[in-house]
Amino acid sequence: MGDGKVEVRMDQLKDLLRGELPDAIEKAREIHERGRPDVVRIRRSFIRLAKSAGLVEDERKPLPKSKRPLSAKMISPRGLTLKLYLLMLFAAQCEVSAGKEWPDPYPIEPIAERPDSWRGLVATIAKYAGPGVQAASVRTNKVRQIAEAMKTLEKMGLLASATGVKGQVRRGVLLLCENGKSKKAGAANIPYTVPADTEAFVEIPVGFFTNGWVHVLTTSEIAALLMWFDVTKFDPSHRKLEDGSTITEAYVLSDVRHGFYGLGRDAYETHQSLDAFELLDVIRHAKRHRDGKWQDFADDSSDMVAHKIILQTEAFGRDSGQVVLPVLHRRHTLGEWGRPLQ
């Protein structure tokens, strides 16, 4: 019944809980106190393409990475790039107000005059390999992981080296606009500014950062969450309840999910784990299985209705590790995504 991938994830989460996660959360909360934003704004162009990149022939295979929006390009089983960039946007919005640039982002490592650092905000599994010339310390491994993620962000047009020389991210970085347009040939760098009220952006609860969700979720779960935040804001549906109140729901069809968000079935199916973590409620159509597959499929089906979801933004106010660990244990032992028994 055991799930090997989930077992690895459980072990990694336990290591984070015993190791770096509490310190990273404490640092995020310290930084948050400076500006105290309620939400972190992320420009829609980071999450969704302005024009569909087209259909895919196989539902299980998303668009090639080169055609995806930036957030979907960063999906990687062990990648740090997406998490680091979101942490950078969080830090920027704690340091400066809407419409402003952040002129002096944190260094990778803390120094006497700059105690805040990306090493302090990031929680990673960077184990010590043992003594010897080839063995790197935990700190060195972590700094290397962050530097590699920064180089990837630089190639994507989301960061620039503060020295103006490509590849010198260890000496400091400048944030660039999350639309990635600075990457275009001949284009000047577009400095990052906190999105103004007039721009198109989604709003991520600050608890995503201050309660460690950014560290404990997978990059597929995070990319899917960004999609759900986008659809809920810009293409919602509303349903009246018997008591007269209204709830906001969202759904996404496969052609939109692929063509605009660059997410394949694997990313879409994270609605099961996100539901189990109670970050969203999934309203399943009677003819669909829990994983989203259609019962008695026929090409001429006229009622192919996707799952609907309801975001639970207040759920990000909970301790991420204490929520996720028992859910993973249930998945590993029972083979199902389900909310912990009360």
Protein backbone atom coordinates (compact mmCIF):
# COMPACT_ATOMS: atom_id res chain seq x y z
CA MET A 1 0.00 0.00 0.00
CA GLY A 2 2.97 2.32 0.60
CA ASP A 3 3.77 5.12 -1.85
CA GLY A 4 7.51 5.51 -2.38
CA LYS A 5 7.34 9.11 -3.61
CA VAL A 6 5.15 10.12 -0.68
CA GLU A 7 7.48 8.36 1.73
CA VAL A 8 10.42 10.39 0.39
CA ARG A 9 8.35 13.56 0.71
CA MET A 10 7.45 12.69 4.30
CA ASP A 11 11.09 12.11 5.20
CA GLN A 12 12.09 15.41 3.61
CA LEU A 13 9.34 17.27 5.46
CA LYS A 14 10.42 15.72 8.75
CA ASP A 15 13.98 16.89 8.04
CA LEU A 16 12.70 20.40 7.31
CA LEU A 17 10.64 20.47 10.51
CA ARG A 18 13.64 19.36 12.56
CA GLY A 19 15.99 21.63 10.65
CA GLU A 20 15.52 24.80 8.64
CA LEU A 21 11.76 25.32 8.39
CA PRO A 22 11.19 26.93 11.82
CA ASP A 23 14.04 29.42 11.26
CA ALA A 24 12.85 30.27 7.73
CA ILE A 25 9.32 30.90 9.03
CA GLU A 26 10.65 33.07 11.85
CA LYS A 27 12.70 35.13 9.37
CA ALA A 28 9.67 35.53 7.05
CA ARG A 29 7.57 36.78 9.95
CA GLU A 30 10.30 39.21 10.99
CA ILE A 31 10.51 40.63 7.47
CA HIS A 32 6.72 40.78 7.17
CA GLU A 33 6.52 43.10 10.18
CA ARG A 34 8.27 45.86 8.20
CA GLY A 35 5.49 46.44 5.68
CA ARG A 36 2.79 44.06 6.93
CA PRO A 37 1.06 43.44 3.59
CA ASP A 38 -2.08 41.30 3.88
CA VAL A 39 -1.41 39.67 0.52
CA VAL A 40 1.43 39.32 -1.96
CA ARG A 41 0.58 40.57 -5.44
CA ILE A 42 1.82 38.57 -8.44
CA ARG A 43 1.32 39.89 -11.95
CA ARG A 44 -0.96 37.76 -14.05
CA SER A 45 1.61 37.56 -16.85
CA PHE A 46 3.79 35.36 -14.62
CA ILE A 47 1.02 32.76 -14.36
CA ARG A 48 -0.99 32.92 -17.59
CA LEU A 49 -0.15 33.53 -21.23
CA ALA A 50 -1.93 36.44 -22.90
CA LYS A 51 -2.62 34.22 -25.94
CA SER A 52 -3.11 30.46 -26.01
CA ALA A 53 -0.04 28.50 -27.04
CA GLY A 54 -2.33 25.95 -28.67
CA LEU A 55 -3.79 22.54 -27.96
CA VAL A 56 -1.88 19.39 -27.05
CA GLU A 57 -2.57 15.97 -28.50
CA ASP A 58 -1.98 14.00 -25.31
CA GLU A 59 -3.75 15.13 -22.13
CA ARG A 60 -0.95 13.68 -20.04
CA LYS A 61 1.71 15.85 -21.69
CA PRO A 62 1.72 19.62 -21.18
CA LEU A 63 3.16 22.20 -23.52
CA PRO A 64 6.92 22.16 -24.11
CA LYS A 65 8.64 24.24 -21.44
CA SER A 66 9.63 26.87 -23.98
CA LYS A 67 5.96 27.68 -24.62
CA ARG A 68 4.69 27.73 -21.05
CA PRO A 69 4.16 30.77 -18.82
CA LEU A 70 7.01 31.45 -16.44
CA SER A 71 5.48 29.85 -13.34
CA ALA A 72 4.86 26.57 -15.19
CA LYS A 73 8.39 26.60 -16.63
CA MET A 74 9.67 26.38 -13.05
CA ILE A 75 7.95 23.10 -12.18
CA SER A 76 10.66 20.68 -11.13
CA PRO A 77 10.64 17.79 -8.62
CA ARG A 78 13.62 19.16 -6.70
CA GLY A 79 13.75 22.70 -8.01
CA LEU A 80 14.16 25.80 -5.88
CA THR A 81 13.63 28.40 -8.61
CA LEU A 82 9.87 28.98 -8.26
CA LYS A 83 9.96 29.04 -4.46
CA LEU A 84 12.92 31.42 -4.36
CA TYR A 85 11.36 33.87 -6.81
CA LEU A 86 8.07 33.94 -4.91
CA LEU A 87 10.02 34.57 -1.70
CA MET A 88 11.75 37.46 -3.45
CA LEU A 89 8.40 38.99 -4.41
CA PHE A 90 7.21 38.53 -0.82
CA ALA A 91 10.31 40.25 0.57
CA ALA A 92 10.05 43.11 -1.92
CA GLN A 93 6.46 43.80 -0.92
CA CYS A 94 7.39 43.80 2.75
CA GLU A 95 10.17 46.32 2.08
CA VAL A 96 8.54 48.79 -0.37
CA SER A 97 5.03 49.95 -1.24
CA ALA A 98 2.93 49.54 -4.39
CA GLY A 99 4.47 51.05 -7.51
CA LYS A 100 7.96 51.24 -5.98
CA GLU A 101 11.22 49.54 -6.93
CA TRP A 102 13.30 47.63 -4.38
CA PRO A 103 16.75 49.11 -4.96
CA ASP A 104 18.84 46.83 -2.77
CA PRO A 105 17.60 43.22 -2.45
CA TYR A 106 19.14 40.92 0.13
CA PRO A 107 22.47 39.20 -0.44
CA ILE A 108 22.66 35.41 -0.63
CA GLU A 109 24.40 35.19 2.74
CA PRO A 110 24.03 37.47 5.76
CA ILE A 111 26.76 39.94 6.63
CA ALA A 112 27.17 42.21 9.62
CA GLU A 113 25.52 45.22 8.00
CA ARG A 114 22.93 43.10 6.12
CA PRO A 115 21.59 40.38 8.45
CA ASP A 116 18.69 39.53 6.11
CA SER A 117 19.59 37.08 3.37
CA TRP A 118 18.11 34.59 0.91
CA ARG A 119 19.86 31.84 2.84
CA GLY A 120 17.83 32.85 5.88
CA LEU A 121 14.50 32.93 4.03
CA VAL A 122 14.89 29.65 2.14
CA ALA A 123 14.41 26.23 3.72
CA THR A 124 16.16 23.42 1.84
CA ILE A 125 17.41 19.88 2.32
CA ALA A 126 21.15 20.37 1.94
CA LYS A 127 22.75 17.53 3.88
CA TYR A 128 26.39 17.28 4.92
CA ALA A 129 28.06 14.50 2.95
CA GLY A 130 30.74 13.72 5.51
CA PRO A 131 34.40 14.71 5.94
CA GLY A 132 36.84 14.90 3.06
CA VAL A 133 38.04 17.22 0.32
CA GLN A 134 35.00 16.56 -1.89
CA ALA A 135 32.44 17.01 0.85
CA ALA A 136 30.71 20.37 1.08
CA SER A 137 29.18 21.74 4.23
CA VAL A 138 25.43 22.12 4.59
CA ARG A 139 25.80 25.90 4.31
CA THR A 140 27.91 25.65 1.16
CA ASN A 141 25.42 23.26 -0.45
CA LYS A 142 22.54 25.57 0.36
CA VAL A 143 24.30 28.63 -1.02
CA ARG A 144 25.12 26.68 -4.18
CA GLN A 145 21.46 25.70 -4.62
CA ILE A 146 20.34 29.31 -4.21
CA ALA A 147 23.00 30.59 -6.62
CA GLU A 148 21.99 28.03 -9.25
CA ALA A 149 18.33 29.04 -8.88
CA MET A 150 19.34 32.68 -9.28
CA LYS A 151 21.24 31.88 -12.47
CA THR A 152 18.12 30.20 -13.83
CA LEU A 153 16.05 33.26 -12.94
CA GLU A 154 18.65 35.44 -14.66
CA LYS A 155 18.33 33.37 -17.86
CA MET A 156 14.55 33.76 -17.67
CA GLY A 157 14.82 37.53 -17.47
CA LEU A 158 13.58 37.75 -13.89
CA LEU A 159 16.84 38.76 -12.20
CA ALA A 160 19.92 40.69 -13.19
CA SER A 161 23.33 40.64 -11.57
CA ALA A 162 23.87 43.80 -9.54
CA THR A 163 27.34 44.14 -11.14
CA GLY A 164 25.87 44.20 -14.63
CA VAL A 165 27.94 41.14 -15.58
CA LYS A 166 25.95 37.99 -16.33
CA GLY A 167 26.50 35.10 -13.95
CA GLN A 168 27.73 37.20 -11.03
CA VAL A 169 24.58 36.71 -8.94
CA ARG A 170 26.61 35.85 -5.85
CA ARG A 171 27.63 39.50 -5.70
CA GLY A 172 24.05 40.70 -5.54
CA VAL A 173 20.97 40.83 -7.73
CA LEU A 174 18.33 43.22 -8.97
CA LEU A 175 14.76 42.03 -9.34
CA LEU A 176 13.20 42.38 -12.78
CA CYS A 177 9.53 42.47 -13.71
CA GLU A 178 7.85 39.07 -13.46
CA ASN A 179 6.57 39.25 -17.04
CA GLY A 180 10.04 38.11 -18.16
CA LYS A 181 10.21 40.65 -20.99
CA SER A 182 13.74 41.68 -19.98
CA LYS A 183 14.88 38.41 -21.58
CA LYS A 184 13.97 39.50 -25.11
CA ALA A 185 16.90 40.19 -27.40
CA GLY A 186 17.94 43.83 -27.26
CA ALA A 187 15.45 44.65 -24.53
CA ALA A 188 16.53 46.80 -21.63
CA ASN A 189 16.03 45.41 -18.14
CA ILE A 190 12.62 46.24 -16.70
CA PRO A 191 13.09 46.75 -12.95
CA TYR A 192 10.61 45.02 -10.68
CA THR A 193 8.05 47.24 -9.04
CA VAL A 194 5.35 46.15 -6.63
CA PRO A 195 2.15 45.88 -8.72
CA ALA A 196 -0.04 48.96 -8.54
CA ASP A 197 -3.81 48.84 -8.03
CA THR A 198 -4.44 49.43 -11.75
CA GLU A 199 -2.51 46.33 -12.89
CA ALA A 200 -3.71 42.77 -13.41
CA PHE A 201 -2.47 40.65 -10.52
CA VAL A 202 -3.49 37.82 -8.23
CA GLU A 203 -3.31 38.06 -4.46
CA ILE A 204 -1.62 35.31 -2.47
CA PRO A 205 -2.36 35.25 1.29
CA VAL A 206 0.71 36.31 3.23
CA GLY A 207 0.35 33.13 5.33
CA PHE A 208 1.61 31.22 2.28
CA PHE A 209 5.01 32.65 3.27
CA THR A 210 4.77 33.31 7.00
CA ASN A 211 3.42 29.83 7.76
CA GLY A 212 5.84 27.98 5.50
CA TRP A 213 3.51 26.73 2.74
CA VAL A 214 5.97 27.93 0.11
CA HIS A 215 8.49 25.43 1.50
CA VAL A 216 6.33 22.35 2.08
CA LEU A 217 4.27 22.30 -1.13
CA THR A 218 5.68 20.87 -4.34
CA THR A 219 6.32 23.14 -7.31
CA SER A 220 3.45 21.41 -9.16
CA GLU A 221 1.10 22.18 -6.27
CA ILE A 222 2.29 25.79 -6.17
CA ALA A 223 1.89 26.29 -9.94
CA ALA A 224 -1.60 24.79 -9.76
CA LEU A 225 -2.49 27.04 -6.82
CA LEU A 226 -1.39 30.09 -8.81
CA MET A 227 -3.72 28.96 -11.60
CA TRP A 228 -6.61 28.54 -9.17
CA PHE A 229 -6.01 32.01 -7.71
CA ASP A 230 -5.99 33.44 -11.22
CA VAL A 231 -9.15 31.67 -12.40
CA THR A 232 -10.98 32.51 -9.17
CA LYS A 233 -10.23 36.21 -9.59
CA PHE A 234 -10.58 36.67 -13.33
CA ASP A 235 -13.04 33.98 -14.45
CA PRO A 236 -15.15 32.95 -11.45
CA SER A 237 -18.64 31.56 -11.23
CA HIS A 238 -21.00 32.35 -8.39
CA ARG A 239 -23.53 30.06 -6.76
CA LYS A 240 -26.29 31.05 -4.39
CA LEU A 241 -26.91 28.90 -1.36
CA GLU A 242 -30.24 28.19 0.27
CA ASP A 243 -29.55 30.76 2.98
CA GLY A 244 -29.16 33.46 0.32
CA SER A 245 -25.38 33.75 0.58
CA THR A 246 -23.13 33.42 -2.45
CA ILE A 247 -19.95 31.39 -2.86
CA THR A 248 -17.29 31.90 -5.51
CA GLU A 249 -16.25 28.83 -7.49
CA ALA A 250 -13.81 28.26 -10.32
CA TYR A 251 -13.05 25.59 -12.87
CA VAL A 252 -10.71 25.24 -15.82
CA LEU A 253 -11.13 23.16 -18.96
CA SER A 254 -8.20 21.20 -20.35
CA ASP A 255 -7.64 23.41 -23.41
CA VAL A 256 -7.38 26.50 -21.20
CA ARG A 257 -5.24 24.72 -18.60
CA HIS A 258 -2.81 23.56 -21.27
CA GLY A 259 -2.91 26.50 -23.65
CA PHE A 260 -2.86 29.40 -21.20
CA TYR A 261 -1.38 27.96 -17.98
CA GLY A 262 0.94 25.29 -19.42
CA LEU A 263 -0.18 22.69 -16.89
CA GLY A 264 -0.67 19.01 -17.73
CA ARG A 265 -2.65 16.33 -15.96
CA ASP A 266 -0.02 15.74 -13.26
CA ALA A 267 -0.23 19.37 -12.15
CA TYR A 268 -4.03 19.40 -12.43
CA GLU A 269 -4.34 16.31 -10.26
CA THR A 270 -2.71 18.16 -7.37
CA HIS A 271 -6.25 19.30 -6.60
CA GLN A 272 -6.44 16.03 -4.65
CA SER A 273 -3.57 16.90 -2.31
CA LEU A 274 -4.56 20.57 -2.09
CA ASP A 275 -8.06 19.47 -1.11
CA ALA A 276 -6.59 17.11 1.50
CA PHE A 277 -4.54 20.02 2.89
CA GLU A 278 -7.84 21.99 2.99
CA LEU A 279 -6.39 24.82 0.89
CA LEU A 280 -9.28 24.36 -1.49
CA ASP A 281 -12.57 22.50 -1.57
CA VAL A 282 -13.21 20.35 -4.63
CA ILE A 283 -16.78 19.98 -5.87
CA ARG A 284 -16.74 16.85 -7.98
CA HIS A 285 -19.18 16.19 -10.79
CA ALA A 286 -21.18 13.03 -10.15
CA LYS A 287 -19.74 11.36 -13.25
CA ARG A 288 -16.11 12.07 -12.44
CA HIS A 289 -13.73 10.00 -10.34
CA ARG A 290 -11.79 11.64 -7.51
CA ASP A 291 -8.72 12.02 -9.75
CA GLY A 292 -10.77 13.94 -12.32
CA LYS A 293 -11.12 11.16 -14.90
CA TRP A 294 -14.50 10.81 -16.57
CA GLN A 295 -16.70 7.76 -16.04
CA ASP A 296 -18.19 6.15 -19.17
CA PHE A 297 -16.32 8.57 -21.43
CA ALA A 298 -17.71 9.14 -24.91
CA ASP A 299 -16.52 11.57 -27.55
CA ASP A 300 -19.98 13.07 -27.87
CA SER A 301 -20.46 13.70 -24.15
CA SER A 302 -22.27 17.01 -23.79
CA ASP A 303 -21.97 17.27 -20.03
CA MET A 304 -18.19 17.06 -19.63
CA VAL A 305 -18.08 19.35 -16.63
CA ALA A 306 -14.76 19.84 -14.86
CA HIS A 307 -14.31 19.78 -11.11
CA LYS A 308 -15.12 23.09 -9.48
CA ILE A 309 -12.99 24.42 -6.68
CA ILE A 310 -13.45 26.91 -3.87
CA LEU A 311 -10.27 28.51 -2.55
CA GLN A 312 -9.95 28.59 1.22
CA THR A 313 -7.66 31.58 1.66
CA GLU A 314 -7.95 31.58 5.45
CA ALA A 315 -6.45 28.07 5.50
CA PHE A 316 -3.01 29.53 4.80
CA GLY A 317 -3.11 30.89 8.35
CA ARG A 318 -2.35 27.40 9.69
CA ASP A 319 1.04 25.83 10.40
CA SER A 320 1.92 24.16 7.08
CA GLY A 321 4.08 21.34 8.41
CA GLN A 322 1.57 20.23 11.02
CA VAL A 323 -1.16 20.12 8.36
CA VAL A 324 0.76 18.42 5.57
CA LEU A 325 2.60 15.70 7.50
CA PRO A 326 -0.48 13.74 8.69
CA VAL A 327 -2.04 13.99 5.22
CA LEU A 328 1.10 12.51 3.67
CA HIS A 329 1.08 9.75 6.29
CA ARG A 330 -2.50 8.87 5.38
CA ARG A 331 -1.65 8.87 1.68
CA HIS A 332 1.32 6.58 2.31
CA THR A 333 -0.51 4.12 4.54
CA LEU A 334 -4.00 4.09 2.99
CA GLY A 335 -3.18 4.97 -0.61
CA GLU A 336 -5.63 7.86 -0.78
CA TRP A 337 -5.63 11.61 -0.53
CA GLY A 338 -7.90 12.44 2.35
CA ARG A 339 -8.16 14.99 5.11
CA PRO A 340 -6.93 13.81 8.51
CA LEU A 341 -9.59 12.19 10.64
CA GLN A 342 -10.87 14.58 13.30
